[in-house]
Each structure stands twice: as structure tokens, then as C-alpha cells.
Amino acid sequence: PAENASGRVKHDEKMTVYLTSEELLAIEQARLELKTITGRKVDRGRLVRAAIAGALADLAENGAESELATRLAES
């Protein structure tokens, strides 16, 4: 993705994900906590992309022992 003068990154693809009210509330609470921790405004898109990147890195490194594989095996 290309970065423009504002520091924002242009994304070429879009994906729709449906969440429960509880999941959306948890994301919003995490966004506010991250704003407090980092001192920077964190939007939901950046939060979700960072969480996905972390989950995929964990999967690549730990495979079946990753948190993602473990959670999906439980559901």
C-alpha cells in the first residue's frame, strides 16, 4: 500500500466482516486503550489490520501451536 503526505496508507482491497455487539464493543475499548497507551489516535481499521498481521505472524512462526490455530480448533 502506498503512503500519502498525511501518513495514511491507501488500501486497494476491501473485506466486510460481521461482528457481534460484544466484539465491536471490545474493539472500541481496545482502540481507546491503545490511544491512551500510545498517545496517538488509533482508528478501527488500523487496529484490525495490526491484529491480523500479528495473528498471521504468529501462525507463520508457530503453526498448529499458534493462538489462531488453537482458537479455531476450539470453535
N, C-alpha and C. Protein backbone atom coordinates (compact mmCIF):
# COMPACT_ATOMS: atom_id res chain seq x y z
N PRO A 1 0.82 -1.20 0.00
CA PRO A 1 0.00 0.00 0.00
C PRO A 1 0.86 1.26 0.00
N ALA A 2 0.45 2.24 -0.76
CA ALA A 2 1.20 3.49 -0.87
C ALA A 2 0.80 4.45 0.25
N GLU A 3 1.80 5.21 0.73
CA GLU A 3 1.56 6.18 1.79
C GLU A 3 1.47 7.57 1.17
N ASN A 4 0.49 8.38 1.60
CA ASN A 4 0.41 9.73 1.06
C ASN A 4 1.01 10.73 2.05
N ALA A 5 0.93 12.02 1.73
CA ALA A 5 1.58 13.05 2.54
C ALA A 5 1.08 13.09 3.98
N SER A 6 -0.14 12.66 4.23
CA SER A 6 -0.69 12.70 5.59
C SER A 6 -0.20 11.53 6.44
N GLY A 7 0.50 10.57 5.81
CA GLY A 7 0.94 9.39 6.53
C GLY A 7 -0.07 8.25 6.46
N ARG A 8 -1.22 8.53 5.87
CA ARG A 8 -2.24 7.49 5.73
C ARG A 8 -1.88 6.58 4.58
N VAL A 9 -2.24 5.33 4.71
CA VAL A 9 -1.93 4.33 3.69
C VAL A 9 -3.19 4.03 2.88
N LYS A 10 -3.02 4.01 1.56
CA LYS A 10 -4.14 3.68 0.67
C LYS A 10 -4.21 2.16 0.54
N HIS A 11 -5.39 1.63 0.75
CA HIS A 11 -5.60 0.18 0.64
C HIS A 11 -6.46 -0.09 -0.59
N ASP A 12 -6.05 -1.10 -1.35
CA ASP A 12 -6.73 -1.38 -2.61
C ASP A 12 -7.87 -2.38 -2.49
N GLU A 13 -7.91 -3.13 -1.43
CA GLU A 13 -8.92 -4.17 -1.28
C GLU A 13 -9.81 -3.90 -0.07
N LYS A 14 -11.01 -4.45 -0.12
CA LYS A 14 -11.96 -4.27 0.98
C LYS A 14 -12.57 -5.62 1.33
N MET A 15 -12.81 -5.82 2.62
CA MET A 15 -13.44 -7.04 3.09
C MET A 15 -14.46 -6.64 4.15
N THR A 16 -15.64 -7.21 4.08
CA THR A 16 -16.67 -6.95 5.08
C THR A 16 -16.69 -8.08 6.07
N VAL A 17 -16.70 -7.73 7.35
CA VAL A 17 -16.74 -8.72 8.43
C VAL A 17 -17.89 -8.36 9.35
N TYR A 18 -18.69 -9.35 9.70
CA TYR A 18 -19.80 -9.12 10.62
C TYR A 18 -19.36 -9.50 12.03
N LEU A 19 -19.67 -8.65 12.99
CA LEU A 19 -19.28 -8.84 14.38
C LEU A 19 -20.50 -8.81 15.27
N THR A 20 -20.36 -9.43 16.43
CA THR A 20 -21.41 -9.28 17.44
C THR A 20 -21.25 -7.91 18.08
N SER A 21 -22.27 -7.49 18.80
CA SER A 21 -22.19 -6.22 19.53
C SER A 21 -21.05 -6.25 20.53
N GLU A 22 -20.85 -7.40 21.16
CA GLU A 22 -19.79 -7.54 22.17
C GLU A 22 -18.41 -7.43 21.53
N GLU A 23 -18.23 -8.03 20.35
CA GLU A 23 -16.94 -7.96 19.65
C GLU A 23 -16.65 -6.52 19.23
N LEU A 24 -17.65 -5.83 18.71
CA LEU A 24 -17.46 -4.44 18.29
C LEU A 24 -17.15 -3.55 19.48
N LEU A 25 -17.81 -3.78 20.60
CA LEU A 25 -17.54 -3.02 21.82
C LEU A 25 -16.10 -3.29 22.30
N ALA A 26 -15.66 -4.53 22.23
CA ALA A 26 -14.29 -4.87 22.64
C ALA A 26 -13.27 -4.17 21.75
N ILE A 27 -13.54 -4.09 20.45
CA ILE A 27 -12.64 -3.38 19.54
C ILE A 27 -12.60 -1.90 19.89
N GLU A 28 -13.74 -1.33 20.17
CA GLU A 28 -13.79 0.09 20.53
C GLU A 28 -13.04 0.36 21.84
N GLN A 29 -13.21 -0.53 22.82
CA GLN A 29 -12.49 -0.38 24.09
C GLN A 29 -10.98 -0.52 23.87
N ALA A 30 -10.58 -1.45 23.02
CA ALA A 30 -9.15 -1.62 22.70
C ALA A 30 -8.62 -0.39 22.00
N ARG A 31 -9.41 0.18 21.09
CA ARG A 31 -8.99 1.40 20.39
C ARG A 31 -8.73 2.54 21.37
N LEU A 32 -9.63 2.70 22.33
CA LEU A 32 -9.46 3.76 23.32
C LEU A 32 -8.27 3.48 24.24
N GLU A 33 -8.07 2.22 24.61
CA GLU A 33 -6.91 1.86 25.44
C GLU A 33 -5.61 2.11 24.68
N LEU A 34 -5.58 1.76 23.40
CA LEU A 34 -4.38 2.00 22.60
C LEU A 34 -4.10 3.49 22.43
N LYS A 35 -5.17 4.28 22.34
CA LYS A 35 -4.99 5.74 22.26
C LYS A 35 -4.33 6.25 23.54
N THR A 36 -4.75 5.71 24.69
CA THR A 36 -4.15 6.09 25.97
C THR A 36 -2.70 5.63 26.05
N ILE A 37 -2.44 4.39 25.64
CA ILE A 37 -1.09 3.82 25.72
C ILE A 37 -0.13 4.52 24.78
N THR A 38 -0.55 4.74 23.53
CA THR A 38 0.35 5.27 22.51
C THR A 38 0.35 6.79 22.42
N GLY A 39 -0.72 7.42 22.92
CA GLY A 39 -0.83 8.87 22.78
C GLY A 39 -1.20 9.28 21.37
N ARG A 40 -1.56 8.30 20.54
CA ARG A 40 -1.92 8.57 19.15
C ARG A 40 -3.34 8.09 18.88
N LYS A 41 -3.99 8.78 17.95
CA LYS A 41 -5.32 8.37 17.54
C LYS A 41 -5.19 7.04 16.78
N VAL A 42 -5.98 6.07 17.17
CA VAL A 42 -5.96 4.75 16.52
C VAL A 42 -7.35 4.48 15.98
N ASP A 43 -7.44 4.33 14.65
CA ASP A 43 -8.77 4.03 14.09
C ASP A 43 -8.97 2.51 14.05
N ARG A 44 -10.21 2.12 13.93
CA ARG A 44 -10.54 0.69 13.98
C ARG A 44 -9.87 -0.09 12.85
N GLY A 45 -9.75 0.51 11.67
CA GLY A 45 -9.12 -0.17 10.56
C GLY A 45 -7.66 -0.51 10.85
N ARG A 46 -6.92 0.46 11.38
CA ARG A 46 -5.51 0.22 11.74
C ARG A 46 -5.41 -0.84 12.82
N LEU A 47 -6.30 -0.76 13.81
CA LEU A 47 -6.29 -1.74 14.89
C LEU A 47 -6.52 -3.15 14.34
N VAL A 48 -7.52 -3.31 13.49
CA VAL A 48 -7.84 -4.63 12.95
C VAL A 48 -6.71 -5.12 12.05
N ARG A 49 -6.14 -4.24 11.20
CA ARG A 49 -5.03 -4.67 10.34
C ARG A 49 -3.82 -5.09 11.16
N ALA A 50 -3.53 -4.37 12.25
CA ALA A 50 -2.41 -4.74 13.13
C ALA A 50 -2.68 -6.08 13.82
N ALA A 51 -3.91 -6.29 14.26
CA ALA A 51 -4.27 -7.56 14.92
C ALA A 51 -4.15 -8.73 13.94
N ILE A 52 -4.59 -8.52 12.71
CA ILE A 52 -4.49 -9.57 11.69
C ILE A 52 -3.02 -9.86 11.39
N ALA A 53 -2.22 -8.82 11.24
CA ALA A 53 -0.79 -9.02 10.96
C ALA A 53 -0.13 -9.81 12.09
N GLY A 54 -0.48 -9.50 13.33
CA GLY A 54 0.08 -10.22 14.47
C GLY A 54 -0.36 -11.67 14.48
N ALA A 55 -1.63 -11.92 14.20
CA ALA A 55 -2.14 -13.29 14.18
C ALA A 55 -1.49 -14.10 13.06
N LEU A 56 -1.31 -13.49 11.90
CA LEU A 56 -0.70 -14.20 10.77
C LEU A 56 0.79 -14.46 11.03
N ALA A 57 1.47 -13.52 11.67
CA ALA A 57 2.88 -13.73 12.01
C ALA A 57 3.02 -14.87 13.02
N ASP A 58 2.12 -14.91 14.00
CA ASP A 58 2.13 -15.99 14.99
C ASP A 58 1.86 -17.33 14.31
N LEU A 59 0.92 -17.36 13.38
CA LEU A 59 0.61 -18.59 12.64
C LEU A 59 1.83 -19.04 11.83
N ALA A 60 2.49 -18.10 11.15
CA ALA A 60 3.66 -18.45 10.34
C ALA A 60 4.78 -19.00 11.21
N GLU A 61 4.93 -18.45 12.40
CA GLU A 61 6.02 -18.86 13.29
C GLU A 61 5.69 -20.13 14.07
N ASN A 62 4.43 -20.28 14.50
CA ASN A 62 4.07 -21.37 15.41
C ASN A 62 3.12 -22.40 14.85
N GLY A 63 2.60 -22.19 13.66
CA GLY A 63 1.73 -23.17 13.01
C GLY A 63 0.59 -23.64 13.89
N ALA A 64 0.49 -24.94 14.06
CA ALA A 64 -0.61 -25.54 14.82
C ALA A 64 -0.63 -25.10 16.28
N GLU A 65 0.50 -24.62 16.77
CA GLU A 65 0.58 -24.15 18.16
C GLU A 65 0.25 -22.66 18.29
N SER A 66 -0.05 -22.00 17.19
CA SER A 66 -0.36 -20.57 17.23
C SER A 66 -1.69 -20.32 17.93
N GLU A 67 -1.87 -19.13 18.42
CA GLU A 67 -3.13 -18.78 19.07
C GLU A 67 -4.29 -18.88 18.09
N LEU A 68 -4.07 -18.47 16.85
CA LEU A 68 -5.12 -18.52 15.83
C LEU A 68 -5.56 -19.96 15.59
N ALA A 69 -4.62 -20.87 15.38
CA ALA A 69 -4.96 -22.27 15.15
C ALA A 69 -5.66 -22.86 16.37
N THR A 70 -5.18 -22.53 17.56
CA THR A 70 -5.79 -23.03 18.78
C THR A 70 -7.23 -22.55 18.92
N ARG A 71 -7.44 -21.26 18.69
CA ARG A 71 -8.80 -20.70 18.82
C ARG A 71 -9.75 -21.31 17.80
N LEU A 72 -9.28 -21.47 16.56
CA LEU A 72 -10.15 -22.03 15.52
C LEU A 72 -10.43 -23.51 15.74
N ALA A 73 -9.49 -24.22 16.35
CA ALA A 73 -9.70 -25.63 16.66
C ALA A 73 -10.76 -25.80 17.75
N GLU A 74 -10.88 -24.79 18.63
CA GLU A 74 -11.86 -24.84 19.73
C GLU A 74 -13.26 -24.51 19.28
N SER A 75 -13.40 -23.77 18.18
CA SER A 75 -14.73 -23.32 17.77
C SER A 75 -15.45 -24.30 16.90
